[in-house]
Amino acid sequence: MKPRIRVFLPLAVAAVFVLSGAAHAQPYRSMAPFYIGIFGGYVAPEDMTWRSSVTGERADLALDESGMMGIKFGYVIPQARALAVELEWNYMFDQSIPPQRIGGWTESGDVSLNNFLVNLILRYPEGKIHPYVGAGIGASSVNIRNTESSGGIVYVAEETETGFAWQLLAGVNVELAPNLSADLAYRYFGTKPDFSLVDVEYRTHAVTFGLNFHF
């Protein structure tokens, strides 16, 4: 686990206790089933697996951490309040590829992602504090800006491709007011777009905080 994640997670746990205290201070009332949520957070990508479709050469490129933001529209099923369905869009900001030597070439650049997902959430339905787990599938539009250099020769390329995407979620939702709740979530996300000359496998860890408006 990266050092910044080890620092961020205890802060996230502390935030859960603060939100829980705020929730207990409010009288309980069942929330409306529809909600719109906004969220943002911290993204810690794993090494990106890169394979040339021309030469077959394979490498793992390190990526720097970045942030993300998103919006979601959800519905808690009244007849089965333990289940919710969400439509989600999120954007992962530029993640720099620090200069790395691969096969005699120096690789550098950055990666950003637009993600569209449908999530199924399994949540504890009672009270005002709702731990949950979930999973989502959808599509990711991945943009890679890449620079390759060797012996004074420099190639610069930019390409965007869309591939299947998935994520696993775990978190807690806390009701703060009759029409307002807060989410703290961990996400494990992956996608595998096929570019014209390289195949890429991308995975990342993310911790997000968000607010939901119920109606």
N, C-alpha and C. Protein backbone atom coordinates (compact mmCIF):
# COMPACT_ATOMS: atom_id res chain seq x y z
N MET A 1 0.84 -1.19 0.00
CA MET A 1 0.00 0.00 0.00
C MET A 1 0.88 1.24 0.00
N LYS A 2 0.55 2.24 -0.83
CA LYS A 2 1.36 3.42 -0.94
C LYS A 2 1.27 4.25 0.33
N PRO A 3 2.36 5.01 0.69
CA PRO A 3 2.36 5.79 1.93
C PRO A 3 1.20 6.76 2.02
N ARG A 4 0.83 7.41 0.92
CA ARG A 4 -0.25 8.39 0.99
C ARG A 4 -1.58 7.73 1.32
N ILE A 5 -1.78 6.48 0.86
CA ILE A 5 -3.01 5.76 1.21
C ILE A 5 -3.03 5.47 2.71
N ARG A 6 -1.89 5.09 3.28
CA ARG A 6 -1.83 4.80 4.71
C ARG A 6 -2.15 6.03 5.54
N VAL A 7 -1.87 7.22 5.03
CA VAL A 7 -2.21 8.45 5.72
C VAL A 7 -3.68 8.78 5.52
N PHE A 8 -4.20 8.56 4.32
CA PHE A 8 -5.55 8.97 3.98
C PHE A 8 -6.60 8.11 4.65
N LEU A 9 -6.38 6.81 4.73
CA LEU A 9 -7.40 5.91 5.27
C LEU A 9 -7.77 6.20 6.73
N PRO A 10 -6.79 6.46 7.65
CA PRO A 10 -7.21 6.82 9.02
C PRO A 10 -8.06 8.09 9.06
N LEU A 11 -7.78 9.06 8.19
CA LEU A 11 -8.61 10.26 8.12
C LEU A 11 -10.02 9.92 7.67
N ALA A 12 -10.12 8.99 6.72
CA ALA A 12 -11.43 8.58 6.24
C ALA A 12 -12.22 7.89 7.34
N VAL A 13 -11.56 7.03 8.12
CA VAL A 13 -12.23 6.34 9.23
C VAL A 13 -12.72 7.36 10.26
N ALA A 14 -11.89 8.37 10.56
CA ALA A 14 -12.29 9.41 11.49
C ALA A 14 -13.51 10.15 10.99
N ALA A 15 -13.57 10.38 9.68
CA ALA A 15 -14.73 11.07 9.10
C ALA A 15 -16.00 10.26 9.30
N VAL A 16 -15.90 8.92 9.24
CA VAL A 16 -17.08 8.07 9.47
C VAL A 16 -17.65 8.31 10.86
N PHE A 17 -16.77 8.38 11.88
CA PHE A 17 -17.24 8.60 13.25
C PHE A 17 -17.88 9.98 13.40
N VAL A 18 -17.33 10.99 12.77
CA VAL A 18 -17.92 12.33 12.83
C VAL A 18 -19.30 12.33 12.20
N LEU A 19 -19.42 11.71 11.01
CA LEU A 19 -20.72 11.64 10.34
C LEU A 19 -21.73 10.84 11.16
N SER A 20 -21.26 9.76 11.80
CA SER A 20 -22.15 8.94 12.61
C SER A 20 -22.73 9.75 13.76
N GLY A 21 -21.88 10.57 14.40
CA GLY A 21 -22.35 11.43 15.49
C GLY A 21 -23.38 12.42 15.01
N ALA A 22 -23.15 12.99 13.84
CA ALA A 22 -24.12 13.94 13.28
C ALA A 22 -25.44 13.25 12.97
N ALA A 23 -25.37 12.02 12.49
CA ALA A 23 -26.60 11.29 12.17
C ALA A 23 -27.42 11.00 13.41
N HIS A 24 -26.77 10.59 14.50
CA HIS A 24 -27.49 10.25 15.72
C HIS A 24 -28.15 11.47 16.33
N ALA A 25 -27.67 12.67 16.01
CA ALA A 25 -28.25 13.89 16.54
C ALA A 25 -29.56 14.26 15.85
N GLN A 26 -29.88 13.60 14.72
CA GLN A 26 -31.09 13.90 13.95
C GLN A 26 -32.17 12.85 14.26
N PRO A 27 -33.46 13.26 14.33
CA PRO A 27 -34.54 12.28 14.48
C PRO A 27 -34.64 11.42 13.23
N TYR A 28 -34.93 10.12 13.42
CA TYR A 28 -34.95 9.21 12.28
C TYR A 28 -36.20 9.39 11.44
N ARG A 29 -36.00 9.33 10.12
CA ARG A 29 -37.09 9.36 9.15
C ARG A 29 -36.59 8.69 7.89
N SER A 30 -37.42 7.80 7.34
CA SER A 30 -37.00 7.07 6.15
C SER A 30 -36.76 8.04 4.99
N MET A 31 -35.63 7.84 4.28
CA MET A 31 -35.25 8.73 3.19
C MET A 31 -36.07 8.40 1.94
N ALA A 32 -36.26 9.43 1.09
CA ALA A 32 -36.91 9.22 -0.20
C ALA A 32 -36.05 8.29 -1.06
N PRO A 33 -36.68 7.52 -1.98
CA PRO A 33 -35.93 6.47 -2.68
C PRO A 33 -34.97 6.98 -3.75
N PHE A 34 -35.27 8.12 -4.40
CA PHE A 34 -34.38 8.65 -5.44
C PHE A 34 -33.33 9.57 -4.82
N TYR A 35 -32.14 9.58 -5.42
CA TYR A 35 -31.11 10.51 -4.95
C TYR A 35 -30.14 10.86 -6.07
N ILE A 36 -29.59 12.06 -5.96
CA ILE A 36 -28.50 12.52 -6.82
C ILE A 36 -27.30 12.78 -5.93
N GLY A 37 -26.16 12.24 -6.29
CA GLY A 37 -24.96 12.38 -5.48
C GLY A 37 -23.81 13.01 -6.24
N ILE A 38 -23.01 13.77 -5.53
CA ILE A 38 -21.74 14.29 -6.05
C ILE A 38 -20.64 13.79 -5.15
N PHE A 39 -19.47 13.50 -5.72
CA PHE A 39 -18.39 12.96 -4.91
C PHE A 39 -17.04 13.31 -5.54
N GLY A 40 -16.02 13.21 -4.73
CA GLY A 40 -14.65 13.41 -5.18
C GLY A 40 -13.72 12.63 -4.28
N GLY A 41 -12.47 12.49 -4.71
CA GLY A 41 -11.56 11.71 -3.89
C GLY A 41 -10.17 11.57 -4.45
N TYR A 42 -9.49 10.60 -3.89
CA TYR A 42 -8.06 10.36 -4.12
C TYR A 42 -7.89 9.07 -4.90
N VAL A 43 -7.05 9.10 -5.93
CA VAL A 43 -6.83 7.96 -6.81
C VAL A 43 -5.37 7.52 -6.72
N ALA A 44 -5.15 6.24 -6.45
CA ALA A 44 -3.80 5.68 -6.35
C ALA A 44 -3.69 4.51 -7.33
N PRO A 45 -3.24 4.76 -8.57
CA PRO A 45 -3.21 3.70 -9.58
C PRO A 45 -2.10 2.68 -9.32
N GLU A 46 -2.38 1.44 -9.70
CA GLU A 46 -1.34 0.43 -9.74
C GLU A 46 -0.49 0.65 -11.00
N ASP A 47 0.63 -0.07 -11.11
CA ASP A 47 1.41 0.01 -12.35
C ASP A 47 0.54 -0.39 -13.53
N MET A 48 0.60 0.38 -14.61
CA MET A 48 -0.20 0.11 -15.80
C MET A 48 0.54 -0.88 -16.69
N THR A 49 -0.10 -2.01 -16.97
CA THR A 49 0.50 -3.02 -17.83
C THR A 49 0.38 -2.58 -19.29
N TRP A 50 1.48 -2.59 -19.99
CA TRP A 50 1.57 -2.08 -21.36
C TRP A 50 2.20 -3.17 -22.22
N ARG A 51 1.53 -3.51 -23.35
CA ARG A 51 2.07 -4.53 -24.25
C ARG A 51 1.94 -4.06 -25.69
N SER A 52 3.05 -4.10 -26.41
CA SER A 52 3.05 -3.69 -27.81
C SER A 52 2.38 -4.77 -28.65
N SER A 53 1.38 -4.38 -29.46
CA SER A 53 0.74 -5.33 -30.36
C SER A 53 1.60 -5.60 -31.60
N VAL A 54 2.67 -4.83 -31.75
CA VAL A 54 3.59 -5.01 -32.89
C VAL A 54 4.73 -5.96 -32.53
N THR A 55 5.42 -5.66 -31.42
CA THR A 55 6.60 -6.45 -31.04
C THR A 55 6.30 -7.48 -29.96
N GLY A 56 5.16 -7.32 -29.26
CA GLY A 56 4.85 -8.21 -28.15
C GLY A 56 5.57 -7.85 -26.87
N GLU A 57 6.40 -6.79 -26.89
CA GLU A 57 7.13 -6.38 -25.69
C GLU A 57 6.15 -5.93 -24.62
N ARG A 58 6.41 -6.29 -23.39
CA ARG A 58 5.51 -6.04 -22.27
C ARG A 58 6.26 -5.31 -21.16
N ALA A 59 5.59 -4.37 -20.49
CA ALA A 59 6.22 -3.63 -19.41
C ALA A 59 5.14 -3.13 -18.45
N ASP A 60 5.56 -2.79 -17.24
CA ASP A 60 4.68 -2.19 -16.25
C ASP A 60 5.13 -0.75 -16.02
N LEU A 61 4.26 0.20 -16.34
CA LEU A 61 4.57 1.62 -16.20
C LEU A 61 4.00 2.15 -14.90
N ALA A 62 4.84 2.76 -14.06
CA ALA A 62 4.37 3.38 -12.84
C ALA A 62 3.59 4.65 -13.16
N LEU A 63 2.56 4.93 -12.37
CA LEU A 63 1.75 6.13 -12.51
C LEU A 63 1.71 6.88 -11.19
N ASP A 64 1.67 8.21 -11.26
CA ASP A 64 1.54 9.02 -10.06
C ASP A 64 0.08 9.07 -9.61
N GLU A 65 -0.14 9.39 -8.32
CA GLU A 65 -1.48 9.54 -7.79
C GLU A 65 -2.14 10.80 -8.36
N SER A 66 -3.48 10.82 -8.29
CA SER A 66 -4.21 12.01 -8.72
C SER A 66 -5.54 12.06 -7.96
N GLY A 67 -6.51 12.78 -8.51
CA GLY A 67 -7.82 12.88 -7.89
C GLY A 67 -8.91 12.50 -8.86
N MET A 68 -10.15 12.52 -8.38
CA MET A 68 -11.29 12.21 -9.22
C MET A 68 -12.50 12.99 -8.73
N MET A 69 -13.50 13.13 -9.61
CA MET A 69 -14.78 13.72 -9.25
C MET A 69 -15.86 13.00 -10.03
N GLY A 70 -17.09 13.06 -9.52
CA GLY A 70 -18.14 12.36 -10.22
C GLY A 70 -19.52 12.75 -9.75
N ILE A 71 -20.52 12.21 -10.44
CA ILE A 71 -21.92 12.41 -10.11
C ILE A 71 -22.66 11.10 -10.34
N LYS A 72 -23.70 10.86 -9.55
CA LYS A 72 -24.46 9.62 -9.71
C LYS A 72 -25.94 9.89 -9.47
N PHE A 73 -26.76 9.06 -10.08
CA PHE A 73 -28.21 9.08 -9.88
C PHE A 73 -28.61 7.70 -9.39
N GLY A 74 -29.29 7.65 -8.24
CA GLY A 74 -29.57 6.36 -7.64
C GLY A 74 -31.02 6.18 -7.24
N TYR A 75 -31.38 4.92 -6.99
CA TYR A 75 -32.74 4.57 -6.59
C TYR A 75 -32.67 3.40 -5.61
N VAL A 76 -33.17 3.63 -4.39
CA VAL A 76 -33.30 2.56 -3.40
C VAL A 76 -34.65 1.89 -3.62
N ILE A 77 -34.64 0.60 -3.88
CA ILE A 77 -35.88 -0.11 -4.22
C ILE A 77 -36.77 -0.21 -2.98
N PRO A 78 -37.95 0.43 -2.96
CA PRO A 78 -38.79 0.45 -1.75
C PRO A 78 -39.18 -0.95 -1.27
N GLN A 79 -39.44 -1.88 -2.19
CA GLN A 79 -39.84 -3.23 -1.80
C GLN A 79 -38.67 -4.07 -1.32
N ALA A 80 -37.46 -3.60 -1.54
CA ALA A 80 -36.25 -4.32 -1.10
C ALA A 80 -35.21 -3.27 -0.75
N ARG A 81 -35.37 -2.62 0.40
CA ARG A 81 -34.56 -1.46 0.77
C ARG A 81 -33.09 -1.79 0.98
N ALA A 82 -32.74 -3.06 0.93
CA ALA A 82 -31.33 -3.44 1.00
C ALA A 82 -30.63 -3.29 -0.35
N LEU A 83 -31.38 -3.01 -1.41
CA LEU A 83 -30.82 -2.91 -2.75
C LEU A 83 -31.00 -1.51 -3.31
N ALA A 84 -29.96 -1.04 -4.01
CA ALA A 84 -30.03 0.23 -4.73
C ALA A 84 -29.33 0.06 -6.08
N VAL A 85 -29.81 0.81 -7.06
CA VAL A 85 -29.22 0.83 -8.39
C VAL A 85 -28.75 2.25 -8.69
N GLU A 86 -27.56 2.39 -9.26
CA GLU A 86 -27.00 3.70 -9.54
C GLU A 86 -26.49 3.79 -10.98
N LEU A 87 -26.66 4.96 -11.58
CA LEU A 87 -25.97 5.33 -12.81
C LEU A 87 -24.90 6.34 -12.42
N GLU A 88 -23.66 6.09 -12.83
CA GLU A 88 -22.54 6.91 -12.34
C GLU A 88 -21.64 7.36 -13.50
N TRP A 89 -21.22 8.62 -13.42
CA TRP A 89 -20.14 9.12 -14.26
C TRP A 89 -19.05 9.65 -13.35
N ASN A 90 -17.80 9.30 -13.64
CA ASN A 90 -16.70 9.91 -12.91
C ASN A 90 -15.53 10.20 -13.84
N TYR A 91 -14.73 11.16 -13.45
CA TYR A 91 -13.56 11.57 -14.23
C TYR A 91 -12.33 11.47 -13.33
N MET A 92 -11.33 10.72 -13.78
CA MET A 92 -10.06 10.60 -13.06
C MET A 92 -9.05 11.53 -13.73
N PHE A 93 -8.55 12.48 -12.95
CA PHE A 93 -7.66 13.51 -13.48
C PHE A 93 -6.33 12.91 -13.96
N ASP A 94 -5.57 13.74 -14.69
CA ASP A 94 -4.29 13.29 -15.25
C ASP A 94 -3.42 12.60 -14.22
N GLN A 95 -2.95 11.41 -14.58
CA GLN A 95 -2.00 10.66 -13.76
C GLN A 95 -0.69 10.59 -14.54
N SER A 96 0.32 11.26 -14.03
CA SER A 96 1.58 11.37 -14.76
C SER A 96 2.30 10.03 -14.84
N ILE A 97 2.92 9.78 -16.00
CA ILE A 97 3.83 8.65 -16.18
C ILE A 97 5.25 9.20 -16.05
N PRO A 98 5.90 9.01 -14.90
CA PRO A 98 7.26 9.53 -14.76
C PRO A 98 8.19 8.88 -15.79
N PRO A 99 9.26 9.56 -16.23
CA PRO A 99 10.18 8.96 -17.20
C PRO A 99 10.70 7.60 -16.75
N GLN A 100 10.53 6.59 -17.63
CA GLN A 100 10.95 5.22 -17.33
C GLN A 100 11.59 4.61 -18.57
N ARG A 101 12.65 3.83 -18.36
CA ARG A 101 13.35 3.18 -19.47
C ARG A 101 12.74 1.82 -19.75
N ILE A 102 12.34 1.62 -21.03
CA ILE A 102 11.77 0.34 -21.46
C ILE A 102 12.38 0.01 -22.82
N GLY A 103 13.13 -1.09 -22.87
CA GLY A 103 13.68 -1.56 -24.14
C GLY A 103 14.50 -0.54 -24.87
N GLY A 104 15.29 0.27 -24.15
CA GLY A 104 16.14 1.27 -24.79
C GLY A 104 15.44 2.59 -25.06
N TRP A 105 14.16 2.69 -24.73
CA TRP A 105 13.41 3.93 -24.92
C TRP A 105 12.99 4.51 -23.57
N THR A 106 12.91 5.83 -23.48
CA THR A 106 12.40 6.50 -22.30
C THR A 106 10.94 6.85 -22.52
N GLU A 107 10.07 6.31 -21.68
CA GLU A 107 8.63 6.54 -21.78
C GLU A 107 8.21 7.57 -20.74
N SER A 108 7.32 8.49 -21.12
CA SER A 108 6.74 9.44 -20.18
C SER A 108 5.40 9.91 -20.75
N GLY A 109 4.62 10.63 -19.93
CA GLY A 109 3.34 11.13 -20.41
C GLY A 109 2.33 11.22 -19.29
N ASP A 110 1.06 11.07 -19.62
CA ASP A 110 0.01 11.05 -18.60
C ASP A 110 -1.23 10.34 -19.13
N VAL A 111 -2.09 9.95 -18.19
CA VAL A 111 -3.30 9.18 -18.47
C VAL A 111 -4.47 9.83 -17.75
N SER A 112 -5.62 9.95 -18.42
CA SER A 112 -6.85 10.40 -17.78
C SER A 112 -8.00 9.51 -18.25
N LEU A 113 -9.08 9.44 -17.44
CA LEU A 113 -10.16 8.51 -17.74
C LEU A 113 -11.52 9.15 -17.51
N ASN A 114 -12.44 8.95 -18.46
CA ASN A 114 -13.87 9.23 -18.31
C ASN A 114 -14.59 7.91 -18.17
N ASN A 115 -15.35 7.71 -17.08
CA ASN A 115 -15.94 6.42 -16.79
C ASN A 115 -17.45 6.52 -16.61
N PHE A 116 -18.18 5.60 -17.25
CA PHE A 116 -19.63 5.52 -17.14
C PHE A 116 -19.98 4.12 -16.65
N LEU A 117 -20.71 4.03 -15.52
CA LEU A 117 -20.94 2.74 -14.88
C LEU A 117 -22.37 2.62 -14.37
N VAL A 118 -22.85 1.38 -14.31
CA VAL A 118 -24.10 1.03 -13.64
C VAL A 118 -23.72 0.19 -12.42
N ASN A 119 -24.12 0.65 -11.23
CA ASN A 119 -23.75 -0.02 -9.98
C ASN A 119 -24.97 -0.69 -9.35
N LEU A 120 -24.74 -1.86 -8.78
CA LEU A 120 -25.72 -2.52 -7.93
C LEU A 120 -25.17 -2.51 -6.51
N ILE A 121 -25.94 -1.93 -5.58
CA ILE A 121 -25.49 -1.73 -4.21
C ILE A 121 -26.30 -2.62 -3.26
N LEU A 122 -25.62 -3.35 -2.39
CA LEU A 122 -26.24 -4.11 -1.32
C LEU A 122 -25.94 -3.39 -0.01
N ARG A 123 -26.97 -2.90 0.68
CA ARG A 123 -26.80 -2.02 1.83
C ARG A 123 -27.60 -2.51 3.03
N TYR A 124 -27.11 -2.17 4.23
CA TYR A 124 -27.90 -2.44 5.43
C TYR A 124 -29.04 -1.44 5.47
N PRO A 125 -30.31 -1.90 5.48
CA PRO A 125 -31.43 -0.98 5.25
C PRO A 125 -31.94 -0.23 6.47
N GLU A 126 -31.62 -0.67 7.68
CA GLU A 126 -32.26 -0.10 8.87
C GLU A 126 -31.45 1.07 9.43
N GLY A 127 -32.15 1.93 10.20
CA GLY A 127 -31.48 3.02 10.89
C GLY A 127 -31.00 4.10 9.94
N LYS A 128 -30.02 4.88 10.41
CA LYS A 128 -29.49 6.01 9.64
C LYS A 128 -28.07 5.79 9.14
N ILE A 129 -27.46 4.69 9.55
CA ILE A 129 -26.09 4.37 9.12
C ILE A 129 -26.15 3.08 8.31
N HIS A 130 -25.72 3.14 7.04
CA HIS A 130 -25.91 2.04 6.11
C HIS A 130 -24.57 1.59 5.53
N PRO A 131 -23.90 0.62 6.16
CA PRO A 131 -22.73 0.02 5.48
C PRO A 131 -23.18 -0.65 4.19
N TYR A 132 -22.32 -0.67 3.19
CA TYR A 132 -22.72 -1.27 1.92
C TYR A 132 -21.52 -1.82 1.16
N VAL A 133 -21.82 -2.73 0.25
CA VAL A 133 -20.87 -3.22 -0.75
C VAL A 133 -21.58 -3.15 -2.09
N GLY A 134 -20.80 -3.15 -3.16
CA GLY A 134 -21.42 -3.08 -4.46
C GLY A 134 -20.45 -3.41 -5.57
N ALA A 135 -20.99 -3.46 -6.77
CA ALA A 135 -20.19 -3.71 -7.97
C ALA A 135 -20.81 -2.96 -9.13
N GLY A 136 -19.96 -2.57 -10.09
CA GLY A 136 -20.45 -1.84 -11.24
C GLY A 136 -19.76 -2.28 -12.52
N ILE A 137 -20.46 -2.13 -13.62
CA ILE A 137 -19.89 -2.41 -14.94
C ILE A 137 -20.26 -1.26 -15.87
N GLY A 138 -19.45 -1.07 -16.91
CA GLY A 138 -19.73 0.00 -17.85
C GLY A 138 -18.62 0.16 -18.85
N ALA A 139 -18.29 1.41 -19.16
CA ALA A 139 -17.29 1.72 -20.17
C ALA A 139 -16.38 2.83 -19.67
N SER A 140 -15.13 2.78 -20.13
CA SER A 140 -14.14 3.80 -19.78
C SER A 140 -13.50 4.33 -21.04
N SER A 141 -13.47 5.66 -21.17
CA SER A 141 -12.77 6.32 -22.26
C SER A 141 -11.41 6.78 -21.72
N VAL A 142 -10.35 6.14 -22.20
CA VAL A 142 -8.99 6.36 -21.66
C VAL A 142 -8.19 7.19 -22.64
N ASN A 143 -7.64 8.29 -22.16
CA ASN A 143 -6.78 9.14 -22.97
C ASN A 143 -5.34 9.01 -22.49
N ILE A 144 -4.44 8.65 -23.41
CA ILE A 144 -3.01 8.54 -23.09
C ILE A 144 -2.24 9.50 -23.97
N ARG A 145 -1.46 10.38 -23.33
CA ARG A 145 -0.51 11.23 -24.04
C ARG A 145 0.87 10.72 -23.70
N ASN A 146 1.59 10.26 -24.72
CA ASN A 146 2.82 9.51 -24.49
C ASN A 146 3.98 10.11 -25.28
N THR A 147 5.15 10.17 -24.65
CA THR A 147 6.38 10.61 -25.31
C THR A 147 7.42 9.50 -25.20
N GLU A 148 7.99 9.10 -26.34
CA GLU A 148 9.05 8.10 -26.38
C GLU A 148 10.30 8.78 -26.96
N SER A 149 11.43 8.57 -26.29
CA SER A 149 12.67 9.18 -26.77
C SER A 149 13.83 8.22 -26.62
N SER A 150 14.76 8.30 -27.59
CA SER A 150 15.96 7.47 -27.55
C SER A 150 16.98 8.07 -28.52
N GLY A 151 18.19 8.37 -28.00
CA GLY A 151 19.27 8.85 -28.85
C GLY A 151 18.94 10.09 -29.65
N GLY A 152 18.18 11.00 -29.06
CA GLY A 152 17.80 12.22 -29.76
C GLY A 152 16.57 12.10 -30.62
N ILE A 153 16.00 10.90 -30.77
CA ILE A 153 14.76 10.69 -31.52
C ILE A 153 13.59 10.76 -30.54
N VAL A 154 12.60 11.56 -30.87
CA VAL A 154 11.45 11.74 -29.99
C VAL A 154 10.17 11.51 -30.77
N TYR A 155 9.29 10.65 -30.22
CA TYR A 155 7.96 10.43 -30.78
C TYR A 155 6.93 10.88 -29.73
N VAL A 156 5.96 11.69 -30.16
CA VAL A 156 4.89 12.16 -29.29
C VAL A 156 3.56 11.70 -29.89
N ALA A 157 2.73 11.07 -29.08
CA ALA A 157 1.45 10.56 -29.57
C ALA A 157 0.38 10.77 -28.51
N GLU A 158 -0.85 10.94 -28.98
CA GLU A 158 -2.01 11.03 -28.10
C GLU A 158 -3.14 10.22 -28.72
N GLU A 159 -3.78 9.40 -27.89
CA GLU A 159 -4.83 8.53 -28.41
C GLU A 159 -5.87 8.30 -27.32
N THR A 160 -7.13 8.19 -27.73
CA THR A 160 -8.22 7.91 -26.81
C THR A 160 -8.98 6.68 -27.31
N GLU A 161 -9.16 5.71 -26.42
CA GLU A 161 -9.92 4.51 -26.75
C GLU A 161 -10.87 4.17 -25.62
N THR A 162 -11.95 3.48 -25.96
CA THR A 162 -12.96 3.10 -24.98
C THR A 162 -12.95 1.59 -24.81
N GLY A 163 -13.03 1.15 -23.55
CA GLY A 163 -13.05 -0.28 -23.25
C GLY A 163 -14.01 -0.60 -22.13
N PHE A 164 -14.24 -1.89 -21.93
CA PHE A 164 -15.08 -2.35 -20.83
C PHE A 164 -14.44 -1.95 -19.50
N ALA A 165 -15.28 -1.53 -18.54
CA ALA A 165 -14.79 -1.12 -17.22
C ALA A 165 -15.62 -1.78 -16.13
N TRP A 166 -15.03 -1.95 -14.98
CA TRP A 166 -15.72 -2.53 -13.83
C TRP A 166 -15.18 -1.89 -12.55
N GLN A 167 -15.94 -2.01 -11.48
CA GLN A 167 -15.45 -1.56 -10.18
C GLN A 167 -16.13 -2.34 -9.06
N LEU A 168 -15.43 -2.46 -7.95
CA LEU A 168 -15.95 -3.01 -6.71
C LEU A 168 -15.96 -1.88 -5.67
N LEU A 169 -17.01 -1.84 -4.85
CA LEU A 169 -17.17 -0.76 -3.89
C LEU A 169 -17.44 -1.31 -2.50
N ALA A 170 -17.00 -0.56 -1.48
CA ALA A 170 -17.35 -0.84 -0.09
C ALA A 170 -17.34 0.50 0.64
N GLY A 171 -18.34 0.73 1.48
CA GLY A 171 -18.37 2.01 2.15
C GLY A 171 -19.48 2.09 3.17
N VAL A 172 -19.79 3.32 3.55
CA VAL A 172 -20.86 3.58 4.51
C VAL A 172 -21.61 4.83 4.07
N ASN A 173 -22.93 4.76 4.15
CA ASN A 173 -23.80 5.91 3.88
C ASN A 173 -24.44 6.33 5.21
N VAL A 174 -24.40 7.63 5.49
CA VAL A 174 -24.91 8.16 6.75
C VAL A 174 -25.96 9.22 6.45
N GLU A 175 -27.16 9.06 7.02
CA GLU A 175 -28.23 10.04 6.85
C GLU A 175 -27.97 11.22 7.79
N LEU A 176 -27.88 12.42 7.21
CA LEU A 176 -27.58 13.62 7.99
C LEU A 176 -28.81 14.47 8.25
N ALA A 177 -29.75 14.47 7.34
CA ALA A 177 -30.96 15.26 7.43
C ALA A 177 -32.02 14.55 6.60
N PRO A 178 -33.30 14.98 6.67
CA PRO A 178 -34.36 14.27 5.93
C PRO A 178 -34.08 14.12 4.44
N ASN A 179 -33.36 15.06 3.82
CA ASN A 179 -33.10 14.99 2.38
C ASN A 179 -31.62 14.92 2.04
N LEU A 180 -30.78 14.61 3.02
CA LEU A 180 -29.33 14.68 2.79
C LEU A 180 -28.62 13.52 3.46
N SER A 181 -27.72 12.88 2.72
CA SER A 181 -26.87 11.84 3.31
C SER A 181 -25.45 12.00 2.77
N ALA A 182 -24.50 11.34 3.42
CA ALA A 182 -23.10 11.41 3.03
C ALA A 182 -22.56 10.00 2.81
N ASP A 183 -21.64 9.87 1.87
CA ASP A 183 -21.02 8.59 1.54
C ASP A 183 -19.51 8.68 1.76
N LEU A 184 -18.95 7.62 2.31
CA LEU A 184 -17.50 7.43 2.32
C LEU A 184 -17.25 6.05 1.72
N ALA A 185 -16.45 5.97 0.64
CA ALA A 185 -16.35 4.72 -0.10
C ALA A 185 -14.92 4.42 -0.53
N TYR A 186 -14.63 3.13 -0.61
CA TYR A 186 -13.42 2.63 -1.25
C TYR A 186 -13.83 1.99 -2.56
N ARG A 187 -13.06 2.27 -3.64
CA ARG A 187 -13.35 1.73 -4.95
C ARG A 187 -12.11 1.05 -5.52
N TYR A 188 -12.32 -0.10 -6.13
CA TYR A 188 -11.26 -0.76 -6.89
C TYR A 188 -11.75 -0.85 -8.32
N PHE A 189 -11.06 -0.18 -9.24
CA PHE A 189 -11.54 0.03 -10.59
C PHE A 189 -10.57 -0.56 -11.60
N GLY A 190 -11.10 -1.09 -12.70
CA GLY A 190 -10.25 -1.62 -13.75
C GLY A 190 -10.84 -1.45 -15.13
N THR A 191 -9.97 -1.32 -16.13
CA THR A 191 -10.40 -1.27 -17.52
C THR A 191 -9.26 -1.76 -18.40
N LYS A 192 -9.58 -2.14 -19.65
CA LYS A 192 -8.57 -2.71 -20.54
C LYS A 192 -8.86 -2.29 -21.98
N PRO A 193 -8.59 -1.00 -22.30
CA PRO A 193 -8.82 -0.55 -23.68
C PRO A 193 -7.73 -1.06 -24.62
N ASP A 194 -8.08 -1.23 -25.89
CA ASP A 194 -7.12 -1.65 -26.92
C ASP A 194 -6.81 -0.47 -27.82
N PHE A 195 -5.59 0.02 -27.73
CA PHE A 195 -5.14 1.11 -28.59
C PHE A 195 -4.61 0.54 -29.90
N SER A 196 -4.28 1.43 -30.82
CA SER A 196 -3.88 0.96 -32.15
C SER A 196 -2.59 0.16 -32.13
N LEU A 197 -1.64 0.54 -31.26
CA LEU A 197 -0.33 -0.14 -31.25
C LEU A 197 -0.02 -0.81 -29.92
N VAL A 198 -0.78 -0.52 -28.88
CA VAL A 198 -0.50 -1.13 -27.58
C VAL A 198 -1.80 -1.58 -26.93
N ASP A 199 -1.70 -2.63 -26.12
CA ASP A 199 -2.79 -3.06 -25.25
C ASP A 199 -2.46 -2.61 -23.84
N VAL A 200 -3.45 -2.06 -23.16
CA VAL A 200 -3.24 -1.47 -21.84
C VAL A 200 -4.18 -2.12 -20.84
N GLU A 201 -3.66 -2.46 -19.67
CA GLU A 201 -4.49 -2.91 -18.56
C GLU A 201 -4.29 -1.94 -17.40
N TYR A 202 -5.37 -1.31 -16.99
CA TYR A 202 -5.32 -0.24 -15.98
C TYR A 202 -6.17 -0.64 -14.77
N ARG A 203 -5.58 -0.48 -13.57
CA ARG A 203 -6.32 -0.72 -12.33
C ARG A 203 -5.92 0.34 -11.30
N THR A 204 -6.89 0.71 -10.45
CA THR A 204 -6.59 1.73 -9.46
C THR A 204 -7.41 1.53 -8.19
N HIS A 205 -6.87 2.05 -7.10
CA HIS A 205 -7.58 2.16 -5.83
C HIS A 205 -8.03 3.61 -5.68
N ALA A 206 -9.20 3.82 -5.09
CA ALA A 206 -9.68 5.19 -4.86
C ALA A 206 -10.47 5.24 -3.56
N VAL A 207 -10.35 6.36 -2.87
CA VAL A 207 -11.16 6.65 -1.69
C VAL A 207 -11.92 7.93 -1.98
N THR A 208 -13.26 7.88 -1.85
CA THR A 208 -14.09 9.04 -2.21
C THR A 208 -15.02 9.42 -1.08
N PHE A 209 -15.36 10.70 -1.07
CA PHE A 209 -16.36 11.24 -0.13
C PHE A 209 -17.40 11.99 -0.94
N GLY A 210 -18.69 11.82 -0.59
CA GLY A 210 -19.72 12.48 -1.37
C GLY A 210 -20.95 12.83 -0.56
N LEU A 211 -21.79 13.67 -1.14
CA LEU A 211 -23.08 14.06 -0.56
C LEU A 211 -24.19 13.66 -1.53
N ASN A 212 -25.31 13.19 -0.96
CA ASN A 212 -26.46 12.74 -1.75
C ASN A 212 -27.69 13.55 -1.37
N PHE A 213 -28.42 14.01 -2.36
CA PHE A 213 -29.64 14.76 -2.15
C PHE A 213 -30.83 13.87 -2.55
N HIS A 214 -31.72 13.59 -1.59
CA HIS A 214 -32.80 12.62 -1.77
C HIS A 214 -34.11 13.31 -2.10
N PHE A 215 -34.90 12.66 -2.96
CA PHE A 215 -36.19 13.25 -3.35
C PHE A 215 -37.18 12.14 -3.74
